[in-house]
Amino acid sequence: MNDNSLRDLRVPSRPVAGKPPRITFPCRYSLKVVGDAAEDFAAMVCQVVSRHDPHFDAIDLRVVESRNARFQSVRLTIRATGEAQLRALFVELKATGRVHMVV
């Protein structure tokens, strides 16, 4: 393996001119939102997501508790329309102060 084939994973990759983006919008986009376990955590996540995707349907929503029931992950799928929508959704979820991570 030569040095040219290695890439420093700490440095974000830059889009190459002429290559299509990795995600083609609109699309179905899966999210996992992790926060402290609480009875209303999933409902709060759904309220925020609904503001960014008016057609969001919680039918496929799954809530998974951590082994010690200290954390919950809410797994859901939205209809993503663009990077700006996703960025705004992530910012609002983090701004609640209840979300630790969005994957």
Foldseek 3Di string as FASTA:
>chain_A
DDPVVDDDPVDDDDDDPPDDDPDDPFDKDKKKWKFFDDPCPLVVLVVLVCVLAVPFDCPVWDWDAPPVNGMIIIMGIGGDGDPVSVVVSVVVSVVVVGTDDMD
